[in-house]
C-alpha atoms as a PDB file:
ATOM      1  CA  UNK A   1       5.108  34.802   0.628  1.00  0.00           C
ATOM      2  CA  UNK A   2       3.092  35.886   3.677  1.00  0.00           C
ATOM      3  CA  UNK A   3      -0.672  35.775   4.050  1.00  0.00           C
ATOM      4  CA  UNK A   4      -2.874  38.235   5.857  1.00  0.00           C
ATOM      5  CA  UNK A   5      -4.742  37.540   9.077  1.00  0.00           C
ATOM      6  CA  UNK A   6      -7.965  37.633   7.076  1.00  0.00           C
ATOM      7  CA  UNK A   7      -6.636  34.924   4.761  1.00  0.00           C
ATOM      8  CA  UNK A   8      -5.579  32.829   7.762  1.00  0.00           C
ATOM      9  CA  UNK A   9      -9.091  33.166   9.172  1.00  0.00           C
ATOM     10  CA  UNK A  10     -10.502  32.084   5.802  1.00  0.00           C
ATOM     11  CA  UNK A  11      -8.457  28.882   5.958  1.00  0.00           C
ATOM     12  CA  UNK A  12      -9.884  28.092   9.379  1.00  0.00           C
ATOM     13  CA  UNK A  13     -13.426  28.805   8.217  1.00  0.00           C
ATOM     14  CA  UNK A  14     -12.956  26.482   5.235  1.00  0.00           C
ATOM     15  CA  UNK A  15     -11.859  23.730   7.632  1.00  0.00           C
ATOM     16  CA  UNK A  16     -14.801  24.228  10.029  1.00  0.00           C
ATOM     17  CA  UNK A  17     -17.411  22.002   8.298  1.00  0.00           C
ATOM     18  CA  UNK A  18     -14.849  19.204   7.963  1.00  0.00           C
ATOM     19  CA  UNK A  19     -13.945  19.464  11.660  1.00  0.00           C
ATOM     20  CA  UNK A  20     -17.648  19.321  12.501  1.00  0.00           C
ATOM     21  CA  UNK A  21     -18.060  16.277  10.277  1.00  0.00           C
ATOM     22  CA  UNK A  22     -15.178  14.312  11.795  1.00  0.00           C
ATOM     23  CA  UNK A  23     -15.448  15.314  15.456  1.00  0.00           C
ATOM     24  CA  UNK A  24     -16.119  12.190  17.501  1.00  0.00           C
ATOM     25  CA  UNK A  25     -15.202   9.924  14.566  1.00  0.00           C
ATOM     26  CA  UNK A  26     -12.142   7.660  14.361  1.00  0.00           C
ATOM     27  CA  UNK A  27      -9.436   7.937  11.722  1.00  0.00           C
ATOM     28  CA  UNK A  28      -6.537   5.528  11.352  1.00  0.00           C
ATOM     29  CA  UNK A  29      -3.260   6.791   9.910  1.00  0.00           C
ATOM     30  CA  UNK A  30      -0.558   4.423   8.705  1.00  0.00           C
ATOM     31  CA  UNK A  31       2.788   6.171   9.033  1.00  0.00           C
ATOM     32  CA  UNK A  32       5.935   5.112   7.197  1.00  0.00           C
ATOM     33  CA  UNK A  33       8.187   5.846   4.238  1.00  0.00           C
ATOM     34  CA  UNK A  34      10.157   9.051   3.783  1.00  0.00           C
ATOM     35  CA  UNK A  35       7.876  10.880   6.206  1.00  0.00           C
ATOM     36  CA  UNK A  36       9.630   8.897   8.953  1.00  0.00           C
ATOM     37  CA  UNK A  37      13.140   9.794   7.764  1.00  0.00           C
ATOM     38  CA  UNK A  38      12.904  13.590   7.567  1.00  0.00           C
ATOM     39  CA  UNK A  39      12.705  15.557  10.814  1.00  0.00           C
ATOM     40  CA  UNK A  40      10.705  18.260   9.034  1.00  0.00           C
ATOM     41  CA  UNK A  41       8.145  15.824   7.628  1.00  0.00           C
ATOM     42  CA  UNK A  42       7.961  13.822  10.857  1.00  0.00           C
ATOM     43  CA  UNK A  43       7.201  16.978  12.823  1.00  0.00           C
ATOM     44  CA  UNK A  44       4.550  17.982  10.267  1.00  0.00           C
ATOM     45  CA  UNK A  45       2.824  14.579  10.474  1.00  0.00           C
ATOM     46  CA  UNK A  46       2.786  14.611  14.264  1.00  0.00           C
ATOM     47  CA  UNK A  47       1.524  18.207  14.334  1.00  0.00           C
ATOM     48  CA  UNK A  48      -1.340  17.203  12.016  1.00  0.00           C
ATOM     49  CA  UNK A  49      -2.301  14.313  14.286  1.00  0.00           C
ATOM     50  CA  UNK A  50      -2.162  16.410  17.459  1.00  0.00           C
ATOM     51  CA  UNK A  51      -4.264  19.160  15.862  1.00  0.00           C
ATOM     52  CA  UNK A  52      -6.899  16.649  14.731  1.00  0.00           C
ATOM     53  CA  UNK A  53      -6.938  15.066  18.171  1.00  0.00           C
ATOM     54  CA  UNK A  54      -7.404  18.422  19.876  1.00  0.00           C
ATOM     55  CA  UNK A  55     -10.459  19.117  17.688  1.00  0.00           C
ATOM     56  CA  UNK A  56     -12.163  15.993  19.039  1.00  0.00           C
ATOM     57  CA  UNK A  57     -11.239  13.572  16.259  1.00  0.00           C
ATOM     58  CA  UNK A  58     -10.160  10.131  17.514  1.00  0.00           C
ATOM     59  CA  UNK A  59      -6.772   9.514  15.925  1.00  0.00           C
ATOM     60  CA  UNK A  60      -5.126   6.069  15.806  1.00  0.00           C
ATOM     61  CA  UNK A  61      -1.536   5.905  14.530  1.00  0.00           C
ATOM     62  CA  UNK A  62      -0.223   2.619  13.110  1.00  0.00           C
ATOM     63  CA  UNK A  63       3.451   2.741  12.197  1.00  0.00           C
ATOM     64  CA  UNK A  64       6.141   0.854  10.378  1.00  0.00           C
ATOM     65  CA  UNK A  65       9.825   1.244  11.062  1.00  0.00           C
ATOM     66  CA  UNK A  66      11.791  -0.222   8.193  1.00  0.00           C
ATOM     67  CA  UNK A  67      14.715   2.218   8.442  1.00  0.00           C
ATOM     68  CA  UNK A  68      15.143   1.592  12.179  1.00  0.00           C
ATOM     69  CA  UNK A  69      14.962  -2.159  11.556  1.00  0.00           C
ATOM     70  CA  UNK A  70      17.569  -1.955   8.806  1.00  0.00           C
ATOM     71  CA  UNK A  71      19.876   0.080  11.032  1.00  0.00           C
ATOM     72  CA  UNK A  72      19.671  -2.369  13.937  1.00  0.00           C
ATOM     73  CA  UNK A  73      20.087  -5.434  11.734  1.00  0.00           C
ATOM     74  CA  UNK A  74      23.150  -3.827  10.180  1.00  0.00           C
ATOM     75  CA  UNK A  75      24.596  -3.155  13.652  1.00  0.00           C
ATOM     76  CA  UNK A  76      24.350  -6.832  14.568  1.00  0.00           C
ATOM     77  CA  UNK A  77      25.783  -7.879  11.204  1.00  0.00           C
ATOM     78  CA  UNK A  78      22.565  -9.332   9.792  1.00  0.00           C
ATOM     79  CA  UNK A  79      21.563  -8.728   6.194  1.00  0.00           C
ATOM     80  CA  UNK A  80      17.992  -7.709   5.448  1.00  0.00           C
ATOM     81  CA  UNK A  81      16.236  -9.985   2.960  1.00  0.00           C
ATOM     82  CA  UNK A  82      12.988  -9.134   1.180  1.00  0.00           C
ATOM     83  CA  UNK A  83      10.717 -11.516  -0.722  1.00  0.00           C
ATOM     84  CA  UNK A  84       7.888 -10.008  -2.801  1.00  0.00           C
ATOM     85  CA  UNK A  85       8.186  -6.801  -0.805  1.00  0.00           C
ATOM     86  CA  UNK A  86       7.978  -8.526   2.621  1.00  0.00           C
ATOM     87  CA  UNK A  87      10.913  -8.753   5.033  1.00  0.00           C
ATOM     88  CA  UNK A  88      11.976 -12.366   5.557  1.00  0.00           C
ATOM     89  CA  UNK A  89      11.750 -12.801   9.314  1.00  0.00           C
ATOM     90  CA  UNK A  90      13.694 -15.526  11.104  1.00  0.00           C
ATOM     91  CA  UNK A  91      13.700 -15.822  14.905  1.00  0.00           C
ATOM     92  CA  UNK A  92      16.520 -13.305  15.341  1.00  0.00           C
ATOM     93  CA  UNK A  93      14.837 -10.786  13.047  1.00  0.00           C
ATOM     94  CA  UNK A  94      11.542 -11.265  14.923  1.00  0.00           C
ATOM     95  CA  UNK A  95      13.352 -10.443  18.179  1.00  0.00           C
ATOM     96  CA  UNK A  96      14.804  -7.311  16.584  1.00  0.00           C
ATOM     97  CA  UNK A  97      11.329  -6.338  15.300  1.00  0.00           C
ATOM     98  CA  UNK A  98       9.907  -6.628  18.812  1.00  0.00           C
ATOM     99  CA  UNK A  99      12.777  -4.643  20.295  1.00  0.00           C
ATOM    100  CA  UNK A 100      12.882  -1.907  17.644  1.00  0.00           C
ATOM    101  CA  UNK A 101       9.266  -1.501  16.508  1.00  0.00           C
ATOM    102  CA  UNK A 102       7.553  -1.957  19.875  1.00  0.00           C
ATOM    103  CA  UNK A 103      10.465  -0.283  21.642  1.00  0.00           C
ATOM    104  CA  UNK A 104      12.578   2.434  20.043  1.00  0.00           C
ATOM    105  CA  UNK A 105      10.341   3.495  17.132  1.00  0.00           C
ATOM    106  CA  UNK A 106       7.095   3.325  19.073  1.00  0.00           C
ATOM    107  CA  UNK A 107       8.328   5.218  22.117  1.00  0.00           C
ATOM    108  CA  UNK A 108      10.036   7.911  20.040  1.00  0.00           C
ATOM    109  CA  UNK A 109       6.691   8.606  18.338  1.00  0.00           C
ATOM    110  CA  UNK A 110       4.893   8.713  21.690  1.00  0.00           C
ATOM    111  CA  UNK A 111       7.514  11.139  22.969  1.00  0.00           C
ATOM    112  CA  UNK A 112       7.219  13.359  19.888  1.00  0.00           C
ATOM    113  CA  UNK A 113       3.423  13.518  20.191  1.00  0.00           C
ATOM    114  CA  UNK A 114       3.802  14.502  23.859  1.00  0.00           C
ATOM    115  CA  UNK A 115       6.375  17.188  23.041  1.00  0.00           C
ATOM    116  CA  UNK A 116       3.995  18.557  20.381  1.00  0.00           C
ATOM    117  CA  UNK A 117       1.227  19.014  22.933  1.00  0.00           C
ATOM    118  CA  UNK A 118      -0.699  15.792  22.461  1.00  0.00           C
ATOM    119  CA  UNK A 119      -1.253  12.731  24.637  1.00  0.00           C
ATOM    120  CA  UNK A 120      -0.263   9.282  23.427  1.00  0.00           C
ATOM    121  CA  UNK A 121       0.064   5.696  24.611  1.00  0.00           C
ATOM    122  CA  UNK A 122       2.317   3.207  22.847  1.00  0.00           C
ATOM    123  CA  UNK A 123       0.898  -0.222  22.058  1.00  0.00           C
ATOM    124  CA  UNK A 124       1.905  -3.278  20.067  1.00  0.00           C
ATOM    125  CA  UNK A 125      -0.097  -6.228  18.825  1.00  0.00           C
ATOM    126  CA  UNK A 126       0.782  -8.198  21.972  1.00  0.00           C
ATOM    127  CA  UNK A 127      -0.903  -5.727  24.330  1.00  0.00           C
ATOM    128  CA  UNK A 128      -4.330  -6.936  25.430  1.00  0.00           C
ATOM    129  CA  UNK A 129      -4.260  -9.543  22.646  1.00  0.00           C
ATOM    130  CA  UNK A 130      -4.710  -6.699  20.168  1.00  0.00           C
ATOM    131  CA  UNK A 131      -3.415  -8.592  17.102  1.00  0.00           C
ATOM    132  CA  UNK A 132      -3.413 -12.394  16.852  1.00  0.00           C
ATOM    133  CA  UNK A 133      -1.875 -14.002  13.797  1.00  0.00           C
ATOM    134  CA  UNK A 134      -0.834 -17.205  12.094  1.00  0.00           C
ATOM    135  CA  UNK A 135       2.107 -17.805   9.780  1.00  0.00           C
ATOM    136  CA  UNK A 136       1.619 -16.165   6.384  1.00  0.00           C
ATOM    137  CA  UNK A 137       1.854 -18.264   3.241  1.00  0.00           C
ATOM    138  CA  UNK A 138       1.014 -17.124  -0.263  1.00  0.00           C
ATOM    139  CA  UNK A 139      -0.557 -19.133  -3.082  1.00  0.00           C
ATOM    140  CA  UNK A 140       2.869 -20.356  -4.193  1.00  0.00           C
ATOM    141  CA  UNK A 141       3.797 -21.590  -0.728  1.00  0.00           C
ATOM    142  CA  UNK A 142       6.678 -19.112  -0.397  1.00  0.00           C
ATOM    143  CA  UNK A 143       8.500 -19.198   2.934  1.00  0.00           C
ATOM    144  CA  UNK A 144       8.543 -15.741   4.564  1.00  0.00           C
ATOM    145  CA  UNK A 145       9.626 -16.987   7.971  1.00  0.00           C
ATOM    146  CA  UNK A 146       7.847 -15.419  10.943  1.00  0.00           C
ATOM    147  CA  UNK A 147       5.711 -13.051   8.901  1.00  0.00           C
ATOM    148  CA  UNK A 148       2.159 -13.172  10.153  1.00  0.00           C
ATOM    149  CA  UNK A 149      -1.299 -13.159   8.627  1.00  0.00           C
ATOM    150  CA  UNK A 150      -3.854 -11.552  10.922  1.00  0.00           C
ATOM    151  CA  UNK A 151      -6.383 -13.917  12.492  1.00  0.00           C
ATOM    152  CA  UNK A 152      -8.183 -11.414  14.681  1.00  0.00           C
ATOM    153  CA  UNK A 153      -8.153  -7.853  16.017  1.00  0.00           C
ATOM    154  CA  UNK A 154      -9.362  -7.128  19.543  1.00  0.00           C
ATOM    155  CA  UNK A 155     -10.023  -3.389  19.725  1.00  0.00           C
ATOM    156  CA  UNK A 156     -10.832  -3.213  23.461  1.00  0.00           C
ATOM    157  CA  UNK A 157      -7.481  -1.775  24.499  1.00  0.00           C
ATOM    158  CA  UNK A 158      -7.511   0.748  21.628  1.00  0.00           C
ATOM    159  CA  UNK A 159     -10.975   1.939  22.603  1.00  0.00           C
ATOM    160  CA  UNK A 160      -9.972   2.273  26.253  1.00  0.00           C
ATOM    161  CA  UNK A 161      -6.979   4.410  25.267  1.00  0.00           C
ATOM    162  CA  UNK A 162      -9.154   6.613  23.020  1.00  0.00           C
ATOM    163  CA  UNK A 163     -11.827   6.984  25.712  1.00  0.00           C
ATOM    164  CA  UNK A 164      -9.150   8.206  28.127  1.00  0.00           C
ATOM    165  CA  UNK A 165      -8.179  10.956  25.677  1.00  0.00           C
ATOM    166  CA  UNK A 166      -4.960   9.503  24.287  1.00  0.00           C
ATOM    167  CA  UNK A 167      -3.727   8.767  20.755  1.00  0.00           C
ATOM    168  CA  UNK A 168      -2.977   5.017  20.443  1.00  0.00           C
ATOM    169  CA  UNK A 169       0.379   4.512  18.707  1.00  0.00           C
ATOM    170  CA  UNK A 170       0.525   0.927  17.461  1.00  0.00           C
ATOM    171  CA  UNK A 171       3.479  -1.145  16.270  1.00  0.00           C
ATOM    172  CA  UNK A 172       2.607  -4.246  14.300  1.00  0.00           C
ATOM    173  CA  UNK A 173       4.194  -7.210  15.979  1.00  0.00           C
ATOM    174  CA  UNK A 174       1.574  -9.815  16.829  1.00  0.00           C
ATOM    175  CA  UNK A 175       0.818 -12.696  19.156  1.00  0.00           C
ATOM    176  CA  UNK A 176       1.457 -15.981  17.340  1.00  0.00           C
ATOM    177  CA  UNK A 177      -1.591 -18.237  17.676  1.00  0.00           C
ATOM    178  CA  UNK A 178       0.114 -21.279  16.161  1.00  0.00           C
ATOM    179  CA  UNK A 179       3.541 -21.174  17.862  1.00  0.00           C
ATOM    180  CA  UNK A 180       5.493 -19.539  20.655  1.00  0.00           C
ATOM    181  CA  UNK A 181       6.996 -16.134  19.973  1.00  0.00           C
ATOM    182  CA  UNK A 182       5.747 -13.311  17.790  1.00  0.00           C
ATOM    183  CA  UNK A 183       5.010 -12.546  14.161  1.00  0.00           C
ATOM    184  CA  UNK A 184       6.059  -9.518  12.166  1.00  0.00           C
ATOM    185  CA  UNK A 185       3.010  -7.999  10.440  1.00  0.00           C
ATOM    186  CA  UNK A 186       3.044  -5.691   7.426  1.00  0.00           C
ATOM    187  CA  UNK A 187       2.000  -2.267   8.765  1.00  0.00           C
ATOM    188  CA  UNK A 188      -0.293  -1.457   5.809  1.00  0.00           C
ATOM    189  CA  UNK A 189      -2.145  -4.726   6.325  1.00  0.00           C
ATOM    190  CA  UNK A 190      -2.449  -4.172  10.070  1.00  0.00           C
ATOM    191  CA  UNK A 191      -3.692  -0.606   9.599  1.00  0.00           C
ATOM    192  CA  UNK A 192      -6.428  -1.780   7.215  1.00  0.00           C
ATOM    193  CA  UNK A 193      -7.574  -4.549   9.562  1.00  0.00           C
ATOM    194  CA  UNK A 194      -7.493  -2.245  12.593  1.00  0.00           C
ATOM    195  CA  UNK A 195      -9.465   0.453  10.735  1.00  0.00           C
ATOM    196  CA  UNK A 196     -12.139  -2.060   9.740  1.00  0.00           C
ATOM    197  CA  UNK A 197     -12.345  -3.526  13.251  1.00  0.00           C
ATOM    198  CA  UNK A 198     -12.734  -0.042  14.745  1.00  0.00           C
ATOM    199  CA  UNK A 199     -15.389   0.903  12.161  1.00  0.00           C
ATOM    200  CA  UNK A 200     -13.224   3.936  11.476  1.00  0.00           C
ATOM    201  CA  UNK A 201     -14.424   6.768   9.286  1.00  0.00           C
ATOM    202  CA  UNK A 202     -11.178   6.976   7.322  1.00  0.00           C
ATOM    203  CA  UNK A 203      -7.925   5.116   6.778  1.00  0.00           C
ATOM    204  CA  UNK A 204      -5.043   7.224   5.494  1.00  0.00           C
ATOM    205  CA  UNK A 205      -1.923   5.518   4.121  1.00  0.00           C
ATOM    206  CA  UNK A 206       1.088   7.837   3.938  1.00  0.00           C
ATOM    207  CA  UNK A 207       3.315   6.792   1.042  1.00  0.00           C
ATOM    208  CA  UNK A 208       6.184   8.059  -1.096  1.00  0.00           C
ATOM    209  CA  UNK A 209       4.028   8.823  -4.112  1.00  0.00           C
ATOM    210  CA  UNK A 210       1.085  11.141  -4.806  1.00  0.00           C
ATOM    211  CA  UNK A 211      -1.275   8.169  -5.016  1.00  0.00           C
ATOM    212  CA  UNK A 212      -2.227   5.852  -7.877  1.00  0.00           C
ATOM    213  CA  UNK A 213      -0.886   7.258 -11.154  1.00  0.00           C
ATOM    214  CA  UNK A 214      -1.990   6.301 -14.672  1.00  0.00           C
ATOM    215  CA  UNK A 215       1.597   6.873 -15.789  1.00  0.00           C
ATOM    216  CA  UNK A 216       3.896   5.802 -12.939  1.00  0.00           C
ATOM    217  CA  UNK A 217       6.487   8.527 -13.498  1.00  0.00           C
ATOM    218  CA  UNK A 218       4.043  11.353 -14.173  1.00  0.00           C
ATOM    219  CA  UNK A 219       2.536  12.877 -10.994  1.00  0.00           C
ATOM    220  CA  UNK A 220       0.093  14.836 -13.144  1.00  0.00           C
ATOM    221  CA  UNK A 221      -1.717  11.565 -13.993  1.00  0.00           C
ATOM    222  CA  UNK A 222      -3.006  11.077 -10.446  1.00  0.00           C
ATOM    223  CA  UNK A 223      -6.282   9.141 -10.226  1.00  0.00           C
ATOM    224  CA  UNK A 224      -8.179  10.987  -7.513  1.00  0.00           C
ATOM    225  CA  UNK A 225     -10.900   8.388  -6.925  1.00  0.00           C
ATOM    226  CA  UNK A 226     -11.108   4.624  -7.471  1.00  0.00           C
ATOM    227  CA  UNK A 227     -14.151   2.421  -6.898  1.00  0.00           C
ATOM    228  CA  UNK A 228     -13.610  -1.175  -5.839  1.00  0.00           C
ATOM    229  CA  UNK A 229     -15.117  -2.407  -9.107  1.00  0.00           C
ATOM    230  CA  UNK A 230     -12.324  -0.616 -10.985  1.00  0.00           C
ATOM    231  CA  UNK A 231      -9.401  -2.203  -9.132  1.00  0.00           C
ATOM    232  CA  UNK A 232      -9.112  -5.442 -11.137  1.00  0.00           C
ATOM    233  CA  UNK A 233      -9.118  -3.647 -14.487  1.00  0.00           C
ATOM    234  CA  UNK A 234      -6.502  -1.160 -13.268  1.00  0.00           C
ATOM    235  CA  UNK A 235      -4.308  -4.093 -12.233  1.00  0.00           C
ATOM    236  CA  UNK A 236      -4.875  -5.829 -15.566  1.00  0.00           C
ATOM    237  CA  UNK A 237      -3.864  -2.646 -17.405  1.00  0.00           C
ATOM    238  CA  UNK A 238      -0.669  -2.399 -15.341  1.00  0.00           C
ATOM    239  CA  UNK A 239      -1.710   0.912 -13.777  1.00  0.00           C
ATOM    240  CA  UNK A 240      -1.757  -0.677 -10.328  1.00  0.00           C
ATOM    241  CA  UNK A 241       1.471  -2.672 -10.287  1.00  0.00           C
ATOM    242  CA  UNK A 242       4.576  -3.532  -8.283  1.00  0.00           C
ATOM    243  CA  UNK A 243       4.674  -2.217  -4.733  1.00  0.00           C
ATOM    244  CA  UNK A 244       1.362  -0.421  -5.200  1.00  0.00           C
ATOM    245  CA  UNK A 245      -0.528  -3.738  -5.452  1.00  0.00           C
ATOM    246  CA  UNK A 246      -0.286  -4.701  -1.749  1.00  0.00           C
ATOM    247  CA  UNK A 247      -1.160  -1.139  -0.700  1.00  0.00           C
ATOM    248  CA  UNK A 248      -4.250  -1.153  -2.897  1.00  0.00           C
ATOM    249  CA  UNK A 249      -5.204  -4.602  -1.596  1.00  0.00           C
ATOM    250  CA  UNK A 250      -5.102  -3.139   1.919  1.00  0.00           C
ATOM    251  CA  UNK A 251      -7.355  -0.323   0.737  1.00  0.00           C
ATOM    252  CA  UNK A 252      -9.806  -2.903  -0.623  1.00  0.00           C
ATOM    253  CA  UNK A 253      -9.803  -4.691   2.737  1.00  0.00           C
ATOM    254  CA  UNK A 254     -10.572  -1.446   4.566  1.00  0.00           C
ATOM    255  CA  UNK A 255     -13.300  -0.334   2.146  1.00  0.00           C
ATOM    256  CA  UNK A 256     -14.950  -3.754   2.357  1.00  0.00           C
ATOM    257  CA  UNK A 257     -14.968  -3.141   6.097  1.00  0.00           C
ATOM    258  CA  UNK A 258     -16.860   0.110   5.583  1.00  0.00           C
ATOM    259  CA  UNK A 259     -13.872   2.461   5.831  1.00  0.00           C
ATOM    260  CA  UNK A 260     -13.222   5.204   3.285  1.00  0.00           C
ATOM    261  CA  UNK A 261      -9.533   4.934   2.412  1.00  0.00           C
ATOM    262  CA  UNK A 262      -6.905   7.276   1.009  1.00  0.00           C
ATOM    263  CA  UNK A 263      -3.365   6.867  -0.320  1.00  0.00           C
ATOM    264  CA  UNK A 264      -1.623  10.225   0.039  1.00  0.00           C
ATOM    265  CA  UNK A 265       1.880  11.613  -0.375  1.00  0.00           C
ATOM    266  CA  UNK A 266       3.655  11.700   2.973  1.00  0.00           C
ATOM    267  CA  UNK A 267       6.426  13.807   1.411  1.00  0.00           C
ATOM    268  CA  UNK A 268       4.086  16.793   1.285  1.00  0.00           C
ATOM    269  CA  UNK A 269       4.016  18.769   4.519  1.00  0.00           C
ATOM    270  CA  UNK A 270       0.650  18.610   6.299  1.00  0.00           C
ATOM    271  CA  UNK A 271      -0.781  16.270   3.662  1.00  0.00           C
ATOM    272  CA  UNK A 272      -3.117  14.768   6.296  1.00  0.00           C
ATOM    273  CA  UNK A 273      -4.718  18.147   7.002  1.00  0.00           C
ATOM    274  CA  UNK A 274      -4.973  18.912   3.289  1.00  0.00           C
ATOM    275  CA  UNK A 275      -6.816  15.627   2.721  1.00  0.00           C
ATOM    276  CA  UNK A 276      -9.157  15.852   5.663  1.00  0.00           C
ATOM    277  CA  UNK A 277      -9.840  19.545   6.168  1.00  0.00           C
ATOM    278  CA  UNK A 278      -9.880  21.113   2.719  1.00  0.00           C
ATOM    279  CA  UNK A 279     -12.206  21.042  -0.258  1.00  0.00           C
ATOM    280  CA  UNK A 280      -9.549  19.956  -2.746  1.00  0.00           C
ATOM    281  CA  UNK A 281      -8.241  16.880  -0.952  1.00  0.00           C
ATOM    282  CA  UNK A 282      -5.058  15.129  -2.061  1.00  0.00           C
ATOM    283  CA  UNK A 283      -4.042  11.665  -3.236  1.00  0.00           C
ATOM    284  CA  UNK A 284      -6.281   8.759  -4.271  1.00  0.00           C
ATOM    285  CA  UNK A 285      -9.516   7.892  -2.514  1.00  0.00           C
ATOM    286  CA  UNK A 286     -10.935   4.334  -2.548  1.00  0.00           C
ATOM    287  CA  UNK A 287     -14.649   3.786  -2.065  1.00  0.00           C
ATOM    288  CA  UNK A 288     -17.243   1.086  -2.469  1.00  0.00           C
ATOM    289  CA  UNK A 289     -19.707   2.980  -4.656  1.00  0.00           C
ATOM    290  CA  UNK A 290     -20.083   2.035  -8.336  1.00  0.00           C
ATOM    291  CA  UNK A 291     -17.343   3.398 -10.581  1.00  0.00           C
ATOM    292  CA  UNK A 292     -17.619   7.176 -10.459  1.00  0.00           C
ATOM    293  CA  UNK A 293     -15.501  10.057  -9.315  1.00  0.00           C
ATOM    294  CA  UNK A 294     -16.616  10.832  -5.776  1.00  0.00           C
ATOM    295  CA  UNK A 295     -15.380  13.354  -3.262  1.00  0.00           C
ATOM    296  CA  UNK A 296     -17.027  14.074   0.038  1.00  0.00           C
ATOM    297  CA  UNK A 297     -19.660  16.790  -0.091  1.00  0.00           C
ATOM    298  CA  UNK A 298     -20.367  18.651   3.079  1.00  0.00           C
ATOM    299  CA  UNK A 299     -24.117  18.762   3.569  1.00  0.00           C
END
């Protein structure tokens, strides 16, 4: 189905107040999941980011790279092991994370942004002391190896890159404060901490689901807006469960840092633009206001 030039113009006019609202503001996008595996979706995500950047919005891209990690570990004959959703990281795996995430994955994204007409600089948590971490331990004392818990974020290098007109592309390996070497950091966690430290306007987590669903297998039960004071009850009712729990916890971290946060479906082409530049929005928004359904109103 084709649309007329008048209809195309109408789409642009609808986006105008949102562009005006976000111009000069910072948004952090966490990129991972199936959107990284499909060439079509990857190109759509990068096109969204370049377009937003060209309108004067400060875009920061934080990425994972699980598939690339799995591929490299398989090549060297090492089996991937996950504990409670986190990759167990011994010294060899940490070396692979540094090589793959800060190397191959990061530089391929920088190259793709450049080929799409944008400007990007690749960073990792080691650059300029961006991310410092200590060894992560949970309440049960589980051993995750060299998985890190963030101690501090130094945003100086990110701000310098933004001020020079580039998109920072950040891989989440971190300087280890309590030992030599590096820590592997969960990308969702790092994105939330970076967004809060930057005082970003929005954090967008691209996932492989529409958002938080009341019935996990029914996309029509999407919850479009969740206040922080609703999170515990949604967990208790089993609505937020499994792999969604750590993602929601990252959203809570970001919102507590003053950042409006969204979980959206990275399998939908141009989902970032739909969320940011249209009236309808997409996915689940987290906010700190008392429990109520809230969507941005353009004043």
